[in-house]
Full PDB file with SEQRES, HELIX, SHEET, SSBOND, CRYST1, ORIGX, SCALE, CONECT and MASTER records, all heavy atoms in Angstrom:
SEQRES   1 A   42  ARG ARG GLY TRP PRO GLU LEU ARG VAL VAL ARG LEU ARG          
SEQRES   2 A   42  ARG ASN SER GLY HIS GLN ASN ALA LEU THR ALA GLY LEU          
SEQRES   3 A   42  HIS ARG ALA ARG GLY ALA TYR VAL VAL SER ILE ASP VAL          
SEQRES   4 A   42  ASP LEU GLN                                                  
HELIX    1 AA1 HIS A   18  ARG A   28  1                                  11    
CRYST1    1.000    1.000    1.000  90.00  90.00  90.00 P 1           1          
ORIGX1      1.000000  0.000000  0.000000        0.00000                         
ORIGX2      0.000000  1.000000  0.000000        0.00000                         
ORIGX3      0.000000  0.000000  1.000000        0.00000                         
SCALE1      1.000000  0.000000  0.000000        0.00000                         
SCALE2      0.000000  1.000000  0.000000        0.00000                         
SCALE3      0.000000  0.000000  1.000000        0.00000                         
ATOM      1  N   ARG A   1       0.823  -1.133   0.038  1.00  0.00           N  
ATOM      2  CA  ARG A   1       0.061   0.090   0.028  1.00  0.00           C  
ATOM      3  C   ARG A   1       0.904   1.319   0.006  1.00  0.00           C  
ATOM      4  O   ARG A   1       0.413   2.300  -0.522  1.00  0.00           O  
ATOM      5  CB  ARG A   1      -0.988   0.022   1.243  1.00  0.00           C  
ATOM      6  CG  ARG A   1      -2.109  -0.864   1.065  1.00  0.00           C  
ATOM      7  CD  ARG A   1      -3.052  -0.686   2.270  1.00  0.00           C  
ATOM      8  NE  ARG A   1      -3.486   0.626   2.437  1.00  0.00           N  
ATOM      9  CZ  ARG A   1      -3.317   1.533   3.279  1.00  0.00           C  
ATOM     10  NH1 ARG A   1      -2.550   1.160   4.413  1.00  0.00           N  
ATOM     11  NH2 ARG A   1      -3.777   2.724   3.384  1.00  0.00           N  
ATOM     12  N   ARG A   2       1.992   1.319   0.556  1.00  0.00           N  
ATOM     13  CA  ARG A   2       2.840   2.375   0.717  1.00  0.00           C  
ATOM     14  C   ARG A   2       3.312   2.998  -0.776  1.00  0.00           C  
ATOM     15  O   ARG A   2       3.402   4.089  -0.947  1.00  0.00           O  
ATOM     16  CB  ARG A   2       4.164   2.101   1.523  1.00  0.00           C  
ATOM     17  CG  ARG A   2       3.883   1.703   2.951  1.00  0.00           C  
ATOM     18  CD  ARG A   2       5.027   1.532   3.634  1.00  0.00           C  
ATOM     19  NE  ARG A   2       4.853   1.124   5.023  1.00  0.00           N  
ATOM     20  CZ  ARG A   2       5.680   0.766   5.936  1.00  0.00           C  
ATOM     21  NH1 ARG A   2       7.019   0.755   5.558  1.00  0.00           N  
ATOM     22  NH2 ARG A   2       5.335   0.399   7.249  1.00  0.00           N  
ATOM     23  N   GLY A   3       3.337   1.999  -1.708  1.00  0.00           N  
ATOM     24  CA  GLY A   3       3.673   2.417  -3.177  1.00  0.00           C  
ATOM     25  C   GLY A   3       2.500   2.199  -4.032  1.00  0.00           C  
ATOM     26  O   GLY A   3       2.672   2.336  -5.228  1.00  0.00           O  
ATOM     27  N   TRP A   4       1.346   1.952  -3.500  1.00  0.00           N  
ATOM     28  CA  TRP A   4       0.219   1.770  -4.486  1.00  0.00           C  
ATOM     29  C   TRP A   4      -1.073   2.312  -3.624  1.00  0.00           C  
ATOM     30  O   TRP A   4      -1.813   1.599  -3.002  1.00  0.00           O  
ATOM     31  CB  TRP A   4       0.047   0.400  -4.675  1.00  0.00           C  
ATOM     32  CG  TRP A   4      -1.071   0.050  -5.842  1.00  0.00           C  
ATOM     33  CD1 TRP A   4      -1.640   0.887  -6.722  1.00  0.00           C  
ATOM     34  CD2 TRP A   4      -1.486  -1.335  -6.180  1.00  0.00           C  
ATOM     35  NE1 TRP A   4      -2.288   0.323  -7.496  1.00  0.00           N  
ATOM     36  CE2 TRP A   4      -2.404  -0.981  -7.294  1.00  0.00           C  
ATOM     37  CE3 TRP A   4      -1.270  -2.484  -5.667  1.00  0.00           C  
ATOM     38  CZ2 TRP A   4      -2.997  -2.181  -7.916  1.00  0.00           C  
ATOM     39  CZ3 TRP A   4      -1.927  -3.656  -6.305  1.00  0.00           C  
ATOM     40  CH2 TRP A   4      -2.822  -3.403  -7.379  1.00  0.00           C  
ATOM     41  N   PRO A   5      -1.331   3.646  -3.835  1.00  0.00           N  
ATOM     42  CA  PRO A   5      -2.436   4.250  -3.142  1.00  0.00           C  
ATOM     43  C   PRO A   5      -3.794   3.742  -3.398  1.00  0.00           C  
ATOM     44  O   PRO A   5      -4.814   3.904  -2.736  1.00  0.00           O  
ATOM     45  CB  PRO A   5      -2.219   5.792  -3.444  1.00  0.00           C  
ATOM     46  CG  PRO A   5      -1.584   5.738  -4.753  1.00  0.00           C  
ATOM     47  CD  PRO A   5      -0.563   4.580  -4.693  1.00  0.00           C  
ATOM     48  N   GLU A   6      -3.941   2.985  -4.628  1.00  0.00           N  
ATOM     49  CA  GLU A   6      -5.257   2.502  -5.001  1.00  0.00           C  
ATOM     50  C   GLU A   6      -5.540   1.196  -4.189  1.00  0.00           C  
ATOM     51  O   GLU A   6      -6.689   0.727  -4.286  1.00  0.00           O  
ATOM     52  CB  GLU A   6      -5.301   2.224  -6.409  1.00  0.00           C  
ATOM     53  CG  GLU A   6      -5.384   3.487  -7.263  1.00  0.00           C  
ATOM     54  CD  GLU A   6      -3.884   4.171  -7.592  1.00  0.00           C  
ATOM     55  OE1 GLU A   6      -2.902   3.445  -7.125  1.00  0.00           O  
ATOM     56  OE2 GLU A   6      -3.899   5.209  -8.171  1.00  0.00           O  
ATOM     57  N   LEU A   7      -4.607   0.680  -3.481  1.00  0.00           N  
ATOM     58  CA  LEU A   7      -4.880  -0.519  -2.774  1.00  0.00           C  
ATOM     59  C   LEU A   7      -5.591  -0.304  -1.418  1.00  0.00           C  
ATOM     60  O   LEU A   7      -5.206   0.671  -0.692  1.00  0.00           O  
ATOM     61  CB  LEU A   7      -3.520  -1.277  -2.459  1.00  0.00           C  
ATOM     62  CG  LEU A   7      -3.742  -2.593  -1.790  1.00  0.00           C  
ATOM     63  CD1 LEU A   7      -4.483  -3.578  -2.607  1.00  0.00           C  
ATOM     64  CD2 LEU A   7      -2.321  -3.153  -1.419  1.00  0.00           C  
ATOM     65  N   ARG A   8      -6.599  -0.886  -1.200  1.00  0.00           N  
ATOM     66  CA  ARG A   8      -7.500  -0.824   0.037  1.00  0.00           C  
ATOM     67  C   ARG A   8      -7.580  -2.077   0.716  1.00  0.00           C  
ATOM     68  O   ARG A   8      -7.669  -3.177   0.018  1.00  0.00           O  
ATOM     69  CB  ARG A   8      -8.893  -0.308  -0.304  1.00  0.00           C  
ATOM     70  CG  ARG A   8      -9.854  -0.275   0.840  1.00  0.00           C  
ATOM     71  CD  ARG A   8     -11.215   0.220   0.318  1.00  0.00           C  
ATOM     72  NE  ARG A   8     -12.080   0.157   1.487  1.00  0.00           N  
ATOM     73  CZ  ARG A   8     -13.488   0.375   1.231  1.00  0.00           C  
ATOM     74  NH1 ARG A   8     -13.989   0.667  -0.136  1.00  0.00           N  
ATOM     75  NH2 ARG A   8     -14.378   0.364   2.100  1.00  0.00           N  
ATOM     76  N   VAL A   9      -7.280  -2.127   2.072  1.00  0.00           N  
ATOM     77  CA  VAL A   9      -7.247  -3.458   2.753  1.00  0.00           C  
ATOM     78  C   VAL A   9      -8.332  -3.439   3.756  1.00  0.00           C  
ATOM     79  O   VAL A   9      -8.686  -2.584   4.535  1.00  0.00           O  
ATOM     80  CB  VAL A   9      -5.893  -3.618   3.504  1.00  0.00           C  
ATOM     81  CG1 VAL A   9      -5.811  -4.789   4.256  1.00  0.00           C  
ATOM     82  CG2 VAL A   9      -4.708  -3.491   2.496  1.00  0.00           C  
ATOM     83  N   VAL A  10      -9.157  -4.585   3.772  1.00  0.00           N  
ATOM     84  CA  VAL A  10     -10.225  -4.838   4.667  1.00  0.00           C  
ATOM     85  C   VAL A  10      -9.714  -6.210   5.372  1.00  0.00           C  
ATOM     86  O   VAL A  10      -9.742  -7.190   4.673  1.00  0.00           O  
ATOM     87  CB  VAL A  10     -11.565  -5.026   3.999  1.00  0.00           C  
ATOM     88  CG1 VAL A  10     -12.610  -5.521   5.055  1.00  0.00           C  
ATOM     89  CG2 VAL A  10     -12.109  -3.780   3.326  1.00  0.00           C  
ATOM     90  N   ARG A  11      -9.552  -6.121   6.670  1.00  0.00           N  
ATOM     91  CA  ARG A  11      -9.148  -7.312   7.427  1.00  0.00           C  
ATOM     92  C   ARG A  11     -10.397  -7.739   8.288  1.00  0.00           C  
ATOM     93  O   ARG A  11     -10.890  -7.004   9.129  1.00  0.00           O  
ATOM     94  CB  ARG A  11      -7.887  -6.948   8.297  1.00  0.00           C  
ATOM     95  CG  ARG A  11      -7.440  -7.953   9.172  1.00  0.00           C  
ATOM     96  CD  ARG A  11      -6.073  -7.745   9.755  1.00  0.00           C  
ATOM     97  NE  ARG A  11      -5.709  -8.645  10.598  1.00  0.00           N  
ATOM     98  CZ  ARG A  11      -5.284  -9.882  10.485  1.00  0.00           C  
ATOM     99  NH1 ARG A  11      -5.184 -10.320   9.164  1.00  0.00           N  
ATOM    100  NH2 ARG A  11      -4.871 -10.728  11.483  1.00  0.00           N  
ATOM    101  N   LEU A  12     -10.678  -8.998   8.214  1.00  0.00           N  
ATOM    102  CA  LEU A  12     -11.709  -9.584   9.032  1.00  0.00           C  
ATOM    103  C   LEU A  12     -11.005 -10.168  10.295  1.00  0.00           C  
ATOM    104  O   LEU A  12      -9.901 -10.526  10.312  1.00  0.00           O  
ATOM    105  CB  LEU A  12     -12.405 -10.853   8.299  1.00  0.00           C  
ATOM    106  CG  LEU A  12     -12.857 -10.411   6.936  1.00  0.00           C  
ATOM    107  CD1 LEU A  12     -13.736 -11.508   6.359  1.00  0.00           C  
ATOM    108  CD2 LEU A  12     -13.923  -9.163   7.029  1.00  0.00           C  
ATOM    109  N   ARG A  13     -11.802 -10.043  11.417  1.00  0.00           N  
ATOM    110  CA  ARG A  13     -11.270 -10.515  12.773  1.00  0.00           C  
ATOM    111  C   ARG A  13     -11.021 -12.068  12.737  1.00  0.00           C  
ATOM    112  O   ARG A  13     -10.141 -12.537  13.491  1.00  0.00           O  
ATOM    113  CB  ARG A  13     -12.267 -10.016  13.749  1.00  0.00           C  
ATOM    114  CG  ARG A  13     -12.348  -8.588  14.086  1.00  0.00           C  
ATOM    115  CD  ARG A  13     -12.957  -8.260  15.349  1.00  0.00           C  
ATOM    116  NE  ARG A  13     -13.084  -6.895  15.557  1.00  0.00           N  
ATOM    117  CZ  ARG A  13     -11.997  -5.966  16.129  1.00  0.00           C  
ATOM    118  NH1 ARG A  13     -11.086  -6.814  16.451  1.00  0.00           N  
ATOM    119  NH2 ARG A  13     -12.258  -4.786  16.138  1.00  0.00           N  
ATOM    120  N   ARG A  14     -11.829 -12.738  12.026  1.00  0.00           N  
ATOM    121  CA  ARG A  14     -11.776 -14.209  12.135  1.00  0.00           C  
ATOM    122  C   ARG A  14     -11.968 -14.771  10.715  1.00  0.00           C  
ATOM    123  O   ARG A  14     -12.622 -14.003   9.874  1.00  0.00           O  
ATOM    124  CB  ARG A  14     -12.645 -14.817  13.028  1.00  0.00           C  
ATOM    125  CG  ARG A  14     -14.101 -14.293  12.843  1.00  0.00           C  
ATOM    126  CD  ARG A  14     -15.053 -14.956  13.773  1.00  0.00           C  
ATOM    127  NE  ARG A  14     -15.386 -16.353  13.587  1.00  0.00           N  
ATOM    128  CZ  ARG A  14     -16.123 -17.000  12.744  1.00  0.00           C  
ATOM    129  NH1 ARG A  14     -16.854 -16.065  11.953  1.00  0.00           N  
ATOM    130  NH2 ARG A  14     -16.256 -18.178  12.578  1.00  0.00           N  
ATOM    131  N   ASN A  15     -11.496 -15.993  10.415  1.00  0.00           N  
ATOM    132  CA  ASN A  15     -11.786 -16.669   9.151  1.00  0.00           C  
ATOM    133  C   ASN A  15     -13.188 -16.870   9.013  1.00  0.00           C  
ATOM    134  O   ASN A  15     -13.876 -17.661   9.803  1.00  0.00           O  
ATOM    135  CB  ASN A  15     -10.893 -17.897   9.018  1.00  0.00           C  
ATOM    136  CG  ASN A  15     -11.099 -18.554   7.755  1.00  0.00           C  
ATOM    137  OD1 ASN A  15     -12.005 -19.287   7.544  1.00  0.00           O  
ATOM    138  ND2 ASN A  15     -10.181 -18.226   6.787  1.00  0.00           N  
ATOM    139  N   SER A  16     -13.775 -16.298   8.018  1.00  0.00           N  
ATOM    140  CA  SER A  16     -15.248 -16.387   7.804  1.00  0.00           C  
ATOM    141  C   SER A  16     -15.685 -17.322   6.619  1.00  0.00           C  
ATOM    142  O   SER A  16     -16.827 -17.440   6.399  1.00  0.00           O  
ATOM    143  CB  SER A  16     -15.924 -15.031   7.779  1.00  0.00           C  
ATOM    144  OG  SER A  16     -15.629 -14.239   8.811  1.00  0.00           O  
ATOM    145  N   GLY A  17     -14.679 -17.751   5.784  1.00  0.00           N  
ATOM    146  CA  GLY A  17     -14.991 -18.537   4.779  1.00  0.00           C  
ATOM    147  C   GLY A  17     -14.986 -17.713   3.366  1.00  0.00           C  
ATOM    148  O   GLY A  17     -15.139 -16.448   3.392  1.00  0.00           O  
ATOM    149  N   HIS A  18     -14.804 -18.405   2.363  1.00  0.00           N  
ATOM    150  CA  HIS A  18     -14.614 -17.754   0.935  1.00  0.00           C  
ATOM    151  C   HIS A  18     -15.775 -16.883   0.596  1.00  0.00           C  
ATOM    152  O   HIS A  18     -15.599 -15.702   0.080  1.00  0.00           O  
ATOM    153  CB  HIS A  18     -14.243 -18.758   0.007  1.00  0.00           C  
ATOM    154  CG  HIS A  18     -13.974 -18.319  -1.349  1.00  0.00           C  
ATOM    155  ND1 HIS A  18     -14.729 -18.378  -2.468  1.00  0.00           N  
ATOM    156  CD2 HIS A  18     -12.855 -17.612  -1.896  1.00  0.00           C  
ATOM    157  CE1 HIS A  18     -14.139 -17.808  -3.489  1.00  0.00           C  
ATOM    158  NE2 HIS A  18     -13.074 -17.281  -3.131  1.00  0.00           N  
ATOM    159  N   GLN A  19     -16.975 -17.362   0.655  1.00  0.00           N  
ATOM    160  CA  GLN A  19     -18.110 -16.740   0.170  1.00  0.00           C  
ATOM    161  C   GLN A  19     -18.475 -15.542   1.181  1.00  0.00           C  
ATOM    162  O   GLN A  19     -18.831 -14.477   0.710  1.00  0.00           O  
ATOM    163  CB  GLN A  19     -19.357 -17.663   0.239  1.00  0.00           C  
ATOM    164  CG  GLN A  19     -19.073 -18.864  -0.881  1.00  0.00           C  
ATOM    165  CD  GLN A  19     -18.959 -18.445  -2.225  1.00  0.00           C  
ATOM    166  OE1 GLN A  19     -19.888 -17.797  -2.801  1.00  0.00           O  
ATOM    167  NE2 GLN A  19     -17.807 -18.769  -2.781  1.00  0.00           N  
ATOM    168  N   ASN A  20     -18.208 -15.663   2.402  1.00  0.00           N  
ATOM    169  CA  ASN A  20     -18.464 -14.526   3.350  1.00  0.00           C  
ATOM    170  C   ASN A  20     -17.385 -13.458   3.141  1.00  0.00           C  
ATOM    171  O   ASN A  20     -17.687 -12.248   3.280  1.00  0.00           O  
ATOM    172  CB  ASN A  20     -18.418 -15.018   4.791  1.00  0.00           C  
ATOM    173  CG  ASN A  20     -19.682 -15.879   5.072  1.00  0.00           C  
ATOM    174  OD1 ASN A  20     -20.679 -15.703   4.586  1.00  0.00           O  
ATOM    175  ND2 ASN A  20     -19.519 -16.709   6.012  1.00  0.00           N  
ATOM    176  N   ALA A  21     -16.189 -13.825   2.796  1.00  0.00           N  
ATOM    177  CA  ALA A  21     -15.044 -12.884   2.388  1.00  0.00           C  
ATOM    178  C   ALA A  21     -15.566 -12.140   1.213  1.00  0.00           C  
ATOM    179  O   ALA A  21     -15.347 -10.949   1.071  1.00  0.00           O  
ATOM    180  CB  ALA A  21     -13.768 -13.469   2.224  1.00  0.00           C  
ATOM    181  N   LEU A  22     -16.127 -12.894   0.199  1.00  0.00           N  
ATOM    182  CA  LEU A  22     -16.697 -12.069  -1.035  1.00  0.00           C  
ATOM    183  C   LEU A  22     -17.766 -11.091  -0.579  1.00  0.00           C  
ATOM    184  O   LEU A  22     -17.896 -10.090  -1.220  1.00  0.00           O  
ATOM    185  CB  LEU A  22     -17.262 -13.175  -2.081  1.00  0.00           C  
ATOM    186  CG  LEU A  22     -16.117 -13.960  -2.780  1.00  0.00           C  
ATOM    187  CD1 LEU A  22     -16.783 -14.873  -3.704  1.00  0.00           C  
ATOM    188  CD2 LEU A  22     -15.507 -12.843  -3.782  1.00  0.00           C  
ATOM    189  N   THR A  23     -18.654 -11.530   0.354  1.00  0.00           N  
ATOM    190  CA  THR A  23     -19.730 -10.702   0.782  1.00  0.00           C  
ATOM    191  C   THR A  23     -19.100  -9.420   1.426  1.00  0.00           C  
ATOM    192  O   THR A  23     -19.563  -8.329   1.097  1.00  0.00           O  
ATOM    193  CB  THR A  23     -20.518 -11.410   1.841  1.00  0.00           C  
ATOM    194  OG1 THR A  23     -21.183 -12.551   1.250  1.00  0.00           O  
ATOM    195  CG2 THR A  23     -21.731 -10.622   2.311  1.00  0.00           C  
ATOM    196  N   ALA A  24     -18.108  -9.480   2.297  1.00  0.00           N  
ATOM    197  CA  ALA A  24     -17.489  -8.365   2.805  1.00  0.00           C  
ATOM    198  C   ALA A  24     -16.966  -7.304   1.676  1.00  0.00           C  
ATOM    199  O   ALA A  24     -17.091  -6.139   1.806  1.00  0.00           O  
ATOM    200  CB  ALA A  24     -16.465  -8.744   3.746  1.00  0.00           C  
ATOM    201  N   GLY A  25     -16.303  -7.978   0.688  1.00  0.00           N  
ATOM    202  CA  GLY A  25     -15.834  -7.151  -0.327  1.00  0.00           C  
ATOM    203  C   GLY A  25     -16.856  -6.326  -1.159  1.00  0.00           C  
ATOM    204  O   GLY A  25     -16.891  -5.196  -1.427  1.00  0.00           O  
ATOM    205  N   LEU A  26     -18.015  -7.171  -1.498  1.00  0.00           N  
ATOM    206  CA  LEU A  26     -19.154  -6.649  -2.204  1.00  0.00           C  
ATOM    207  C   LEU A  26     -19.812  -5.516  -1.547  1.00  0.00           C  
ATOM    208  O   LEU A  26     -20.255  -4.389  -2.098  1.00  0.00           O  
ATOM    209  CB  LEU A  26     -20.129  -7.584  -2.584  1.00  0.00           C  
ATOM    210  CG  LEU A  26     -19.642  -8.746  -3.619  1.00  0.00           C  
ATOM    211  CD1 LEU A  26     -20.555  -9.785  -3.871  1.00  0.00           C  
ATOM    212  CD2 LEU A  26     -19.421  -8.008  -5.055  1.00  0.00           C  
ATOM    213  N   HIS A  27     -19.947  -5.615  -0.165  1.00  0.00           N  
ATOM    214  CA  HIS A  27     -20.566  -4.722   0.681  1.00  0.00           C  
ATOM    215  C   HIS A  27     -19.851  -3.397   0.687  1.00  0.00           C  
ATOM    216  O   HIS A  27     -20.427  -2.337   1.021  1.00  0.00           O  
ATOM    217  CB  HIS A  27     -20.835  -5.161   2.077  1.00  0.00           C  
ATOM    218  CG  HIS A  27     -21.975  -6.173   2.126  1.00  0.00           C  
ATOM    219  ND1 HIS A  27     -22.548  -6.498   3.365  1.00  0.00           N  
ATOM    220  CD2 HIS A  27     -22.602  -6.919   1.186  1.00  0.00           C  
ATOM    221  CE1 HIS A  27     -23.571  -7.396   3.048  1.00  0.00           C  
ATOM    222  NE2 HIS A  27     -23.555  -7.612   1.849  1.00  0.00           N  
ATOM    223  N   ARG A  28     -18.467  -3.447   0.451  1.00  0.00           N  
ATOM    224  CA  ARG A  28     -17.677  -2.285   0.706  1.00  0.00           C  
ATOM    225  C   ARG A  28     -17.095  -1.609  -0.491  1.00  0.00           C  
ATOM    226  O   ARG A  28     -16.642  -0.601  -0.697  1.00  0.00           O  
ATOM    227  CB  ARG A  28     -16.526  -2.471   1.669  1.00  0.00           C  
ATOM    228  CG  ARG A  28     -16.926  -2.450   3.143  1.00  0.00           C  
ATOM    229  CD  ARG A  28     -15.917  -3.151   4.044  1.00  0.00           C  
ATOM    230  NE  ARG A  28     -16.324  -2.863   5.428  1.00  0.00           N  
ATOM    231  CZ  ARG A  28     -17.402  -3.551   5.978  1.00  0.00           C  
ATOM    232  NH1 ARG A  28     -18.117  -4.336   5.407  1.00  0.00           N  
ATOM    233  NH2 ARG A  28     -17.751  -3.128   7.183  1.00  0.00           N  
ATOM    234  N   ALA A  29     -17.299  -2.366  -1.674  1.00  0.00           N  
ATOM    235  CA  ALA A  29     -16.813  -1.883  -3.177  1.00  0.00           C  
ATOM    236  C   ALA A  29     -17.665  -0.734  -3.484  1.00  0.00           C  
ATOM    237  O   ALA A  29     -18.852  -0.647  -3.330  1.00  0.00           O  
ATOM    238  CB  ALA A  29     -17.008  -3.062  -4.098  1.00  0.00           C  
ATOM    239  N   ARG A  30     -16.873   0.282  -4.003  1.00  0.00           N  
ATOM    240  CA  ARG A  30     -17.502   1.554  -4.378  1.00  0.00           C  
ATOM    241  C   ARG A  30     -17.646   1.784  -5.897  1.00  0.00           C  
ATOM    242  O   ARG A  30     -18.153   2.699  -6.328  1.00  0.00           O  
ATOM    243  CB  ARG A  30     -16.770   2.632  -3.683  1.00  0.00           C  
ATOM    244  CG  ARG A  30     -16.660   2.668  -2.207  1.00  0.00           C  
ATOM    245  CD  ARG A  30     -15.844   3.840  -1.652  1.00  0.00           C  
ATOM    246  NE  ARG A  30     -14.481   3.579  -2.139  1.00  0.00           N  
ATOM    247  CZ  ARG A  30     -13.538   4.668  -2.246  1.00  0.00           C  
ATOM    248  NH1 ARG A  30     -13.940   5.892  -1.939  1.00  0.00           N  
ATOM    249  NH2 ARG A  30     -12.287   4.359  -2.592  1.00  0.00           N  
ATOM    250  N   GLY A  31     -16.970   0.933  -6.568  1.00  0.00           N  
ATOM    251  CA  GLY A  31     -16.851   1.260  -8.185  1.00  0.00           C  
ATOM    252  C   GLY A  31     -18.220   0.949  -8.835  1.00  0.00           C  
ATOM    253  O   GLY A  31     -19.110   0.354  -8.400  1.00  0.00           O  
ATOM    254  N   ALA A  32     -18.269   1.581 -10.079  1.00  0.00           N  
ATOM    255  CA  ALA A  32     -19.353   1.397 -11.006  1.00  0.00           C  
ATOM    256  C   ALA A  32     -19.574   0.016 -11.481  1.00  0.00           C  
ATOM    257  O   ALA A  32     -20.461  -0.614 -11.905  1.00  0.00           O  
ATOM    258  CB  ALA A  32     -19.138   2.450 -12.168  1.00  0.00           C  
ATOM    259  N   TYR A  33     -18.170  -0.635 -11.556  1.00  0.00           N  
ATOM    260  CA  TYR A  33     -18.084  -2.058 -11.916  1.00  0.00           C  
ATOM    261  C   TYR A  33     -17.299  -2.720 -10.773  1.00  0.00           C  
ATOM    262  O   TYR A  33     -16.221  -2.047 -10.299  1.00  0.00           O  
ATOM    263  CB  TYR A  33     -17.397  -2.287 -13.190  1.00  0.00           C  
ATOM    264  CG  TYR A  33     -18.474  -1.900 -14.448  1.00  0.00           C  
ATOM    265  CD1 TYR A  33     -18.302  -0.702 -14.955  1.00  0.00           C  
ATOM    266  CD2 TYR A  33     -19.392  -2.786 -14.844  1.00  0.00           C  
ATOM    267  CE1 TYR A  33     -19.051  -0.390 -16.110  1.00  0.00           C  
ATOM    268  CE2 TYR A  33     -20.219  -2.399 -15.912  1.00  0.00           C  
ATOM    269  CZ  TYR A  33     -20.059  -1.201 -16.531  1.00  0.00           C  
ATOM    270  OH  TYR A  33     -20.821  -0.894 -17.568  1.00  0.00           O  
ATOM    271  N   VAL A  34     -17.508  -3.925 -10.413  1.00  0.00           N  
ATOM    272  CA  VAL A  34     -16.738  -4.644  -9.448  1.00  0.00           C  
ATOM    273  C   VAL A  34     -16.395  -6.000  -9.977  1.00  0.00           C  
ATOM    274  O   VAL A  34     -17.161  -6.828 -10.518  1.00  0.00           O  
ATOM    275  CB  VAL A  34     -17.633  -4.853  -8.187  1.00  0.00           C  
ATOM    276  CG1 VAL A  34     -16.897  -5.650  -7.173  1.00  0.00           C  
ATOM    277  CG2 VAL A  34     -17.993  -3.502  -7.534  1.00  0.00           C  
ATOM    278  N   VAL A  35     -15.066  -6.275  -9.959  1.00  0.00           N  
ATOM    279  CA  VAL A  35     -14.644  -7.581 -10.322  1.00  0.00           C  
ATOM    280  C   VAL A  35     -14.123  -8.473  -9.117  1.00  0.00           C  
ATOM    281  O   VAL A  35     -13.262  -7.886  -8.267  1.00  0.00           O  
ATOM    282  CB  VAL A  35     -13.433  -7.522 -11.381  1.00  0.00           C  
ATOM    283  CG1 VAL A  35     -12.839  -8.937 -11.708  1.00  0.00           C  
ATOM    284  CG2 VAL A  35     -13.942  -6.658 -12.589  1.00  0.00           C  
ATOM    285  N   SER A  36     -14.579  -9.674  -8.815  1.00  0.00           N  
ATOM    286  CA  SER A  36     -13.997 -10.407  -7.786  1.00  0.00           C  
ATOM    287  C   SER A  36     -12.941 -11.536  -8.491  1.00  0.00           C  
ATOM    288  O   SER A  36     -13.253 -12.188  -9.518  1.00  0.00           O  
ATOM    289  CB  SER A  36     -15.163 -11.245  -7.121  1.00  0.00           C  
ATOM    290  OG  SER A  36     -15.928 -12.019  -8.107  1.00  0.00           O  
ATOM    291  N   ILE A  37     -11.933 -11.659  -7.785  1.00  0.00           N  
ATOM    292  CA  ILE A  37     -10.768 -12.502  -8.196  1.00  0.00           C  
ATOM    293  C   ILE A  37     -10.013 -12.991  -7.025  1.00  0.00           C  
ATOM    294  O   ILE A  37      -9.743 -12.211  -6.069  1.00  0.00           O  
ATOM    295  CB  ILE A  37      -9.940 -11.716  -9.245  1.00  0.00           C  
ATOM    296  CG1 ILE A  37      -8.960 -12.688  -9.908  1.00  0.00           C  
ATOM    297  CG2 ILE A  37      -9.313 -10.593  -8.557  1.00  0.00           C  
ATOM    298  CD1 ILE A  37      -8.178 -12.029 -10.975  1.00  0.00           C  
ATOM    299  N   ASP A  38      -9.524 -14.156  -7.093  1.00  0.00           N  
ATOM    300  CA  ASP A  38      -8.717 -14.693  -6.043  1.00  0.00           C  
ATOM    301  C   ASP A  38      -7.237 -14.235  -6.389  1.00  0.00           C  
ATOM    302  O   ASP A  38      -6.951 -13.903  -7.531  1.00  0.00           O  
ATOM    303  CB  ASP A  38      -8.712 -16.297  -5.989  1.00  0.00           C  
ATOM    304  CG  ASP A  38     -10.153 -16.783  -5.525  1.00  0.00           C  
ATOM    305  OD1 ASP A  38     -10.797 -15.877  -4.810  1.00  0.00           O  
ATOM    306  OD2 ASP A  38     -10.563 -17.787  -5.877  1.00  0.00           O  
ATOM    307  N   VAL A  39      -6.347 -14.231  -5.426  1.00  0.00           N  
ATOM    308  CA  VAL A  39      -4.969 -13.756  -5.596  1.00  0.00           C  
ATOM    309  C   VAL A  39      -4.028 -14.962  -5.862  1.00  0.00           C  
ATOM    310  O   VAL A  39      -2.773 -14.774  -5.980  1.00  0.00           O  
ATOM    311  CB  VAL A  39      -4.500 -12.852  -4.390  1.00  0.00           C  
ATOM    312  CG1 VAL A  39      -5.325 -11.756  -4.043  1.00  0.00           C  
ATOM    313  CG2 VAL A  39      -4.417 -13.925  -3.099  1.00  0.00           C  
ATOM    314  N   ASP A  40      -4.604 -16.178  -6.248  1.00  0.00           N  
ATOM    315  CA  ASP A  40      -3.616 -17.246  -6.524  1.00  0.00           C  
ATOM    316  C   ASP A  40      -3.097 -17.246  -7.994  1.00  0.00           C  
ATOM    317  O   ASP A  40      -2.390 -18.089  -8.320  1.00  0.00           O  
ATOM    318  CB  ASP A  40      -4.251 -18.561  -6.149  1.00  0.00           C  
ATOM    319  CG  ASP A  40      -5.606 -18.690  -6.884  1.00  0.00           C  
ATOM    320  OD1 ASP A  40      -5.892 -17.922  -7.852  1.00  0.00           O  
ATOM    321  OD2 ASP A  40      -6.285 -19.664  -6.541  1.00  0.00           O  
ATOM    322  N   LEU A  41      -3.622 -16.226  -8.807  1.00  0.00           N  
ATOM    323  CA  LEU A  41      -3.240 -16.034 -10.168  1.00  0.00           C  
ATOM    324  C   LEU A  41      -3.647 -17.234 -11.078  1.00  0.00           C  
ATOM    325  O   LEU A  41      -3.062 -17.305 -12.248  1.00  0.00           O  
ATOM    326  CB  LEU A  41      -1.763 -15.744 -10.258  1.00  0.00           C  
ATOM    327  CG  LEU A  41      -1.321 -14.385  -9.689  1.00  0.00           C  
ATOM    328  CD1 LEU A  41       0.172 -14.259  -9.805  1.00  0.00           C  
ATOM    329  CD2 LEU A  41      -2.114 -13.257 -10.418  1.00  0.00           C  
ATOM    330  N   GLN A  42      -4.594 -18.143 -10.640  1.00  0.00           N  
ATOM    331  CA  GLN A  42      -5.016 -19.045 -11.517  1.00  0.00           C  
ATOM    332  C   GLN A  42      -6.091 -18.589 -12.482  1.00  0.00           C  
ATOM    333  O   GLN A  42      -6.210 -19.004 -13.599  1.00  0.00           O  
ATOM    334  CB  GLN A  42      -5.765 -20.240 -10.695  1.00  0.00           C  
ATOM    335  CG  GLN A  42      -4.699 -21.124  -9.951  1.00  0.00           C  
ATOM    336  CD  GLN A  42      -5.365 -22.211  -9.360  1.00  0.00           C  
ATOM    337  OE1 GLN A  42      -6.025 -22.113  -8.258  1.00  0.00           O  
ATOM    338  NE2 GLN A  42      -5.310 -23.425 -10.011  1.00  0.00           N  
TER     339      GLN A  42                                                      
MASTER        0    0    0    1    0    0    0    6  338    1    0    4          
END                                                                             
């Protein structure tokens, strides 16, 4: 984040599962378009 101001970090207190993590992202996303993607680069 120090070199990439467009990066926003949402940290959950506990592991809530993949679908619930997606829910957290969708509830906080502000864009006109939203893309969900895992970071494993598959």
